Amino acid sequence: MIRWANPELLYLLIAIPILTLFLFLSRRRLAYLNRLILGLNPSLRRLRWTLLLIAFGLLILAGARPKWGERMEIVKGRGVDLIIGLDVSKSMRATDVKPDRLTKAKTEILKILDELSGNRIGLITFAGDAWVLCPLTTDLEAVKLFLDLAEPGLVPLGGTELSKVLIKSLELFGEPKGRDQGLIIFTDGENLGADPLPILDEYRRRKIKVFTVGIGTPEGSTIPEYDRSGNFTGYKKDREGKLVYSRLGERLLLVIAKLTGGRYVRIESGFGPILDAIRRMKKGEMKAEEFVKYEERYQLFLLPGIIL
C-alpha cells in the first residue's frame, strides 16, 4: 500500500490531461507553423512536449513523497512527557489570525513537533469536553496523523472549558515516571465553563508545567458558521440577533502559565521561550517503543523527472 506524505500535491496531476487537451487542440496552429518554418520537425516537437508532460507528472509524484515498504523501528532514549491540548471550539474558526485560528494552530504544531523529537508526545482536543486523540508516544508521525483529524465538531459538547483539558491531561500523564511532564495548550483563551485555577494545585504538586499559546487578537473577529457539508452559512449571532465577536483572552492564559512555572506566548511571536524551557526539563529513561516506519520512495520519481 502506498502512503503519501503530501497527498494534496496529487491534485496537480489534473493539469496533465488539461495540458494534453490544449496541445491537441493547438495542432492546427502548429501545422501552419510547420509550413512557414523550414526545418521544423513536428515529430521532435511532439516528443519534446510528451517528455515534458511526463517529467511534470513524475516531479509531482516525487513532491507528494510516496512511501512503501515497511520496516520496524525501535525507539529508546531519554526525554520528557508532553501533551498538546488543542482547542477545537467553534471560536477557533475566527479569521483574525489567517487563514483561521485552528488552521494556524495546526500548522504551527506540525512545525514544533519536529523540534520535540525524542520525547513522548500526546494529543488532546477540547471544547466543552476533552478527548484523547493520541496517547503518549515517541511516534511523531502518528501524532501528525491524528492532528489532521482535529476539527470543530470532533468534540460533541460545544463551548470552551479549559478545566476539561487540564483534568484529562492529568489522567493521561498518570503518576510521575522519573522525568518531567508538561502541557502545551493552544487556545484563544475564552473559558465558558468552570474556573480552571483550582485544578492547578495538582499541577504544582506534581511539578507539571503548563505552557499556553494564545491564538487570536484582542480586537477579535466574528465566527463563521458552516453546515455539515462544509458550506458557509453566515456568522454566529447571539439570542438577540447580534453578531458574536471572539477575542483573545490573554489574562487567564498568563495566570495559568505563571502559576505552574510555564510560559505564555502569542502564536505569531514564535515558540522560542517554550522550547527553551522544555529543553531544560528533567529527562528520564523512555520505555523502548516499536513501530512501523515506511520507506521514502520519492527518489524513484525525482531522478527520472529531472532527466526528462
Protein backbone atom coordinates (compact mmCIF):
# COMPACT_ATOMS: atom_id res chain seq x y z
CA MET A 1 0.00 0.00 0.00
CA ILE A 2 1.37 3.41 -0.99
CA ARG A 3 1.23 6.22 1.55
CA TRP A 4 1.77 9.88 0.69
CA ALA A 5 3.39 12.47 2.95
CA ASN A 6 1.96 15.38 0.90
CA PRO A 7 -1.17 13.93 -0.77
CA GLU A 8 -2.59 17.37 -1.55
CA LEU A 9 0.04 17.79 -4.29
CA LEU A 10 -1.54 14.92 -6.25
CA TYR A 11 -4.33 17.31 -7.28
CA LEU A 12 -1.78 18.96 -9.59
CA LEU A 13 -1.92 15.83 -11.76
CA ILE A 14 -5.24 17.18 -13.06
CA ALA A 15 -3.18 19.72 -15.04
CA ILE A 16 -1.62 16.98 -17.21
CA PRO A 17 -4.78 15.94 -19.15
CA ILE A 18 -5.73 19.63 -19.40
CA LEU A 19 -2.36 20.48 -20.98
CA THR A 20 -2.61 17.42 -23.23
CA LEU A 21 -6.03 18.57 -24.46
CA PHE A 22 -4.69 22.09 -25.05
CA LEU A 23 -1.82 20.74 -27.16
CA PHE A 24 -4.18 18.51 -29.12
CA LEU A 25 -6.46 21.46 -29.92
CA SER A 26 -3.48 23.60 -30.99
CA ARG A 27 -2.32 21.10 -33.62
CA ARG A 28 -3.77 23.21 -36.46
CA ARG A 29 -1.73 26.21 -35.39
CA LEU A 30 1.38 24.00 -35.18
CA ALA A 31 0.66 22.59 -38.64
CA TYR A 32 0.54 26.14 -40.03
CA LEU A 33 3.89 26.91 -38.37
CA ASN A 34 5.38 23.75 -39.88
CA ARG A 35 4.70 25.14 -43.36
CA LEU A 36 6.24 28.53 -42.51
CA ILE A 37 9.40 27.44 -40.68
CA LEU A 38 11.89 25.50 -42.77
CA GLY A 39 13.45 22.52 -40.95
CA LEU A 40 10.89 22.40 -38.10
CA ASN A 41 10.38 18.73 -37.23
CA PRO A 42 6.82 18.15 -35.94
CA SER A 43 7.70 14.69 -34.60
CA LEU A 44 10.51 16.03 -32.44
CA ARG A 45 8.23 18.82 -31.22
CA ARG A 46 5.60 16.28 -30.14
CA LEU A 47 8.30 14.17 -28.46
CA ARG A 48 9.57 17.20 -26.51
CA TRP A 49 6.11 18.05 -25.19
CA THR A 50 5.47 14.40 -24.31
CA LEU A 51 8.70 14.22 -22.30
CA LEU A 52 7.91 17.50 -20.54
CA LEU A 53 4.44 16.29 -19.55
CA ILE A 54 5.84 13.00 -18.22
CA ALA A 55 8.55 14.91 -16.32
CA PHE A 56 5.91 17.21 -14.84
CA GLY A 57 3.92 14.19 -13.62
CA LEU A 58 6.98 12.50 -12.14
CA LEU A 59 8.02 15.65 -10.25
CA ILE A 60 4.52 15.98 -8.80
CA LEU A 61 4.66 12.36 -7.61
CA ALA A 62 8.10 12.99 -6.08
CA GLY A 63 6.82 16.09 -4.27
CA ALA A 64 3.91 14.10 -2.84
CA ARG A 65 6.56 11.83 -1.25
CA PRO A 66 5.30 8.27 -1.77
CA LYS A 67 6.18 5.71 0.89
CA TRP A 68 6.01 1.95 0.80
CA GLY A 69 7.94 -0.94 2.24
CA GLU A 70 7.60 -1.44 6.00
CA ARG A 71 10.42 -1.72 8.49
CA MET A 72 10.21 -1.97 12.24
CA GLU A 73 11.95 0.78 14.21
CA ILE A 74 12.66 0.64 17.93
CA VAL A 75 12.96 3.98 19.72
CA LYS A 76 14.61 4.15 23.12
CA GLY A 77 16.26 7.10 24.82
CA ARG A 78 15.79 9.87 27.33
CA GLY A 79 13.12 12.53 27.19
CA VAL A 80 10.09 14.11 28.84
CA ASP A 81 6.32 13.61 28.58
CA LEU A 82 4.49 16.37 26.72
CA ILE A 83 0.80 16.70 25.94
CA ILE A 84 -0.52 19.12 23.32
CA GLY A 85 -4.01 20.41 24.13
CA LEU A 86 -5.75 21.85 21.05
CA ASP A 87 -8.89 23.96 21.30
CA VAL A 88 -11.39 22.84 18.61
CA SER A 89 -14.33 25.00 19.68
CA LYS A 90 -16.23 26.96 17.03
CA SER A 91 -14.50 30.20 18.01
CA MET A 92 -11.29 28.69 16.61
CA ARG A 93 -12.77 29.28 13.16
CA ALA A 94 -12.42 33.06 13.65
CA THR A 95 -10.26 34.67 10.99
CA ASP A 96 -8.43 37.37 12.94
CA VAL A 97 -5.44 35.03 12.50
CA LYS A 98 -5.08 33.90 8.88
CA PRO A 99 -6.37 31.69 7.43
CA ASP A 100 -8.21 30.95 10.69
CA ARG A 101 -7.19 30.22 14.27
CA LEU A 102 -7.45 26.44 14.11
CA THR A 103 -5.61 26.06 10.81
CA LYS A 104 -2.85 28.36 12.06
CA ALA A 105 -2.54 26.34 15.29
CA LYS A 106 -2.30 23.01 13.42
CA THR A 107 0.34 24.42 11.06
CA GLU A 108 2.48 25.66 13.96
CA ILE A 109 2.07 22.40 15.91
CA LEU A 110 3.39 20.49 12.91
CA LYS A 111 6.46 22.73 12.92
CA ILE A 112 7.27 22.36 16.61
CA LEU A 113 6.70 18.60 16.63
CA ASP A 114 9.95 18.20 14.72
CA GLU A 115 11.68 20.22 17.48
CA LEU A 116 10.27 17.86 20.12
CA SER A 117 11.54 14.56 18.69
CA GLY A 118 12.93 12.19 21.31
CA ASN A 119 10.13 12.96 23.77
CA ARG A 120 6.81 11.23 24.31
CA ILE A 121 4.01 13.35 22.84
CA GLY A 122 0.25 13.05 23.35
CA LEU A 123 -2.63 14.97 21.75
CA ILE A 124 -5.89 16.06 23.38
CA THR A 125 -8.63 18.05 21.66
CA PHE A 126 -11.09 20.02 23.75
CA ALA A 127 -14.11 22.30 23.62
CA GLY A 128 -16.87 21.81 26.19
CA ASP A 129 -15.25 18.44 26.94
CA ALA A 130 -11.85 16.89 26.26
CA TRP A 131 -10.93 13.82 24.19
CA VAL A 132 -7.62 11.97 23.93
CA LEU A 133 -6.88 11.91 20.21
CA CYS A 134 -3.43 10.32 20.53
CA PRO A 135 -1.87 8.75 23.67
CA LEU A 136 1.70 9.47 24.70
CA THR A 137 4.09 8.10 22.09
CA THR A 138 7.50 8.71 20.53
CA ASP A 139 6.00 8.10 17.07
CA LEU A 140 5.62 11.69 15.86
CA GLU A 141 4.18 10.55 12.52
CA ALA A 142 1.23 9.08 14.41
CA VAL A 143 0.73 12.37 16.28
CA LYS A 144 0.74 14.27 12.96
CA LEU A 145 -1.78 11.83 11.51
CA PHE A 146 -4.21 12.36 14.39
CA LEU A 147 -3.62 16.12 14.34
CA ASP A 148 -5.02 16.23 10.81
CA LEU A 149 -8.34 14.91 12.18
CA ALA A 150 -8.79 17.78 14.65
CA GLU A 151 -11.75 19.89 13.54
CA PRO A 152 -14.67 21.72 15.21
CA GLY A 153 -17.38 19.16 15.92
CA LEU A 154 -14.88 16.43 16.80
CA VAL A 155 -15.76 17.07 20.46
CA PRO A 156 -19.59 16.84 20.63
CA LEU A 157 -20.02 19.29 23.52
CA GLY A 158 -19.55 22.89 22.34
CA GLY A 159 -18.12 25.89 24.14
CA THR A 160 -14.64 26.15 25.63
CA GLU A 161 -13.79 24.79 29.07
CA LEU A 162 -10.09 24.88 29.95
CA SER A 163 -10.64 22.83 33.11
CA LYS A 164 -11.55 19.82 30.93
CA VAL A 165 -8.20 19.69 29.13
CA LEU A 166 -6.35 20.16 32.44
CA ILE A 167 -8.20 17.23 34.05
CA LYS A 168 -7.89 14.94 31.02
CA SER A 169 -4.15 15.68 30.78
CA LEU A 170 -3.63 14.62 34.41
CA GLU A 171 -5.34 11.32 33.62
CA LEU A 172 -3.18 10.77 30.54
CA PHE A 173 0.08 11.63 32.34
CA GLY A 174 -0.56 9.20 35.16
CA GLU A 175 1.88 9.20 38.06
CA PRO A 176 5.35 10.75 37.59
CA LYS A 177 7.83 8.35 35.96
CA GLY A 178 11.19 9.87 36.85
CA ARG A 179 11.00 12.53 34.13
CA ASP A 180 9.35 15.93 33.87
CA GLN A 181 5.94 16.43 32.34
CA GLY A 182 4.47 19.41 30.51
CA LEU A 183 1.22 20.51 28.88
CA ILE A 184 1.11 22.91 25.91
CA ILE A 185 -2.35 24.42 25.38
CA PHE A 186 -3.24 26.08 22.05
CA THR A 187 -6.39 28.19 22.55
CA ASP A 188 -7.97 31.59 22.08
CA GLY A 189 -8.30 31.81 25.86
CA GLU A 190 -12.08 32.01 26.06
CA ASN A 191 -13.37 30.00 29.01
CA LEU A 192 -17.11 29.41 29.26
CA GLY A 193 -17.04 26.75 31.96
CA ALA A 194 -15.70 26.15 35.45
CA ASP A 195 -12.76 28.07 36.86
CA PRO A 196 -9.62 26.11 35.89
CA LEU A 197 -7.35 27.68 38.53
CA PRO A 198 -8.17 25.27 41.43
CA ILE A 199 -7.01 22.34 39.29
CA LEU A 200 -3.56 23.92 39.07
CA ASP A 201 -2.90 22.96 42.71
CA GLU A 202 -2.42 19.36 41.50
CA TYR A 203 -0.16 20.56 38.69
CA ARG A 204 2.04 22.40 41.19
CA ARG A 205 2.12 19.37 43.50
CA ARG A 206 3.28 17.14 40.66
CA LYS A 207 5.54 19.87 39.21
CA ILE A 208 3.86 19.73 35.81
CA LYS A 209 4.47 22.89 33.79
CA VAL A 210 1.66 24.32 31.67
CA PHE A 211 2.66 26.31 28.58
CA THR A 212 -0.07 28.38 26.95
CA VAL A 213 -0.22 29.64 23.36
CA GLY A 214 -2.71 32.42 22.63
CA ILE A 215 -4.35 32.36 19.19
CA GLY A 216 -6.28 35.43 18.10
CA THR A 217 -6.21 39.18 18.61
CA PRO A 218 -7.52 41.40 21.44
CA GLU A 219 -9.74 43.14 18.86
CA GLY A 220 -11.29 39.80 17.95
CA SER A 221 -13.32 38.64 14.99
CA THR A 222 -16.72 37.29 14.02
CA ILE A 223 -17.15 33.50 13.99
CA PRO A 224 -18.09 31.91 10.65
CA GLU A 225 -20.51 29.00 10.71
CA TYR A 226 -20.77 26.07 8.31
CA ASP A 227 -23.31 23.32 7.63
CA ARG A 228 -22.49 19.60 7.73
CA SER A 229 -21.32 19.72 4.12
CA GLY A 230 -18.81 22.47 4.94
CA ASN A 231 -20.75 25.24 3.21
CA PHE A 232 -20.58 28.72 4.74
CA THR A 233 -23.95 29.70 6.25
CA GLY A 234 -23.20 33.03 7.92
CA TYR A 235 -21.75 34.33 11.17
CA LYS A 236 -22.60 33.31 14.71
CA LYS A 237 -25.18 35.52 16.44
CA ASP A 238 -26.44 35.76 20.00
CA ARG A 239 -30.06 35.35 21.10
CA GLU A 240 -30.77 38.97 20.24
CA GLY A 241 -29.52 38.51 16.69
CA LYS A 242 -26.29 40.47 17.19
CA LEU A 243 -23.00 39.25 15.78
CA VAL A 244 -20.80 37.43 18.29
CA TYR A 245 -17.18 38.58 18.50
CA SER A 246 -14.49 36.24 19.80
CA ARG A 247 -11.46 37.92 21.38
CA LEU A 248 -8.16 36.60 22.63
CA GLY A 249 -8.34 36.07 26.41
CA GLU A 250 -4.72 36.53 27.43
CA ARG A 251 -5.12 37.20 31.14
CA LEU A 252 -6.24 33.68 32.07
CA LEU A 253 -3.55 32.10 29.89
CA LEU A 254 -0.88 34.24 31.54
CA VAL A 255 -2.08 33.24 35.01
CA ILE A 256 -2.16 29.51 34.18
CA ALA A 257 1.40 29.59 32.82
CA LYS A 258 2.76 31.67 35.70
CA LEU A 259 1.21 29.54 38.45
CA THR A 260 2.75 26.34 37.06
CA GLY A 261 6.17 27.68 36.08
CA GLY A 262 5.38 27.57 32.37
CA ARG A 263 5.48 30.24 29.67
CA TYR A 264 2.86 32.15 27.71
CA VAL A 265 3.36 33.26 24.09
CA ARG A 266 1.20 34.57 21.29
CA ILE A 267 1.28 32.21 18.35
CA GLU A 268 2.73 34.82 15.99
CA SER A 269 5.61 35.57 18.40
CA GLY A 270 7.30 32.17 17.99
CA PHE A 271 7.92 29.31 20.42
CA GLY A 272 11.50 30.08 21.48
CA PRO A 273 10.68 30.61 25.20
CA ILE A 274 8.59 27.42 25.37
CA LEU A 275 11.13 25.25 23.55
CA ASP A 276 13.97 26.61 25.71
CA ALA A 277 12.01 25.76 28.87
CA ILE A 278 11.26 22.25 27.59
CA ARG A 279 14.94 21.62 26.83
CA ARG A 280 15.77 22.48 30.47
CA MET A 281 13.22 19.99 31.82
CA LYS A 282 14.49 16.84 33.56
CA LYS A 283 14.71 13.93 31.13
CA GLY A 284 14.21 10.29 32.10
CA GLU A 285 14.57 6.86 30.56
CA MET A 286 11.92 6.08 27.96
CA LYS A 287 10.47 2.62 27.54
CA ALA A 288 11.51 1.19 24.19
CA GLU A 289 8.71 1.57 21.63
CA GLU A 290 8.43 -0.40 18.41
CA PHE A 291 6.53 0.99 15.46
CA VAL A 292 6.31 0.61 11.69
CA LYS A 293 8.16 3.09 9.51
CA TYR A 294 7.56 3.35 5.77
CA GLU A 295 10.48 3.90 3.41
CA GLU A 296 10.59 7.14 1.40
CA ARG A 297 10.50 6.38 -2.35
CA TYR A 298 10.37 9.88 -3.86
CA GLN A 299 13.86 9.37 -5.37
CA LEU A 300 12.43 6.85 -7.85
CA PHE A 301 10.33 9.65 -9.38
CA LEU A 302 12.59 12.65 -8.80
CA LEU A 303 15.65 11.45 -10.75
CA PRO A 304 13.86 10.40 -13.99
CA GLY A 305 11.73 13.55 -13.76
CA ILE A 306 14.86 15.74 -13.70
CA ILE A 307 16.46 13.74 -16.54
CA LEU A 308 13.37 14.08 -18.74
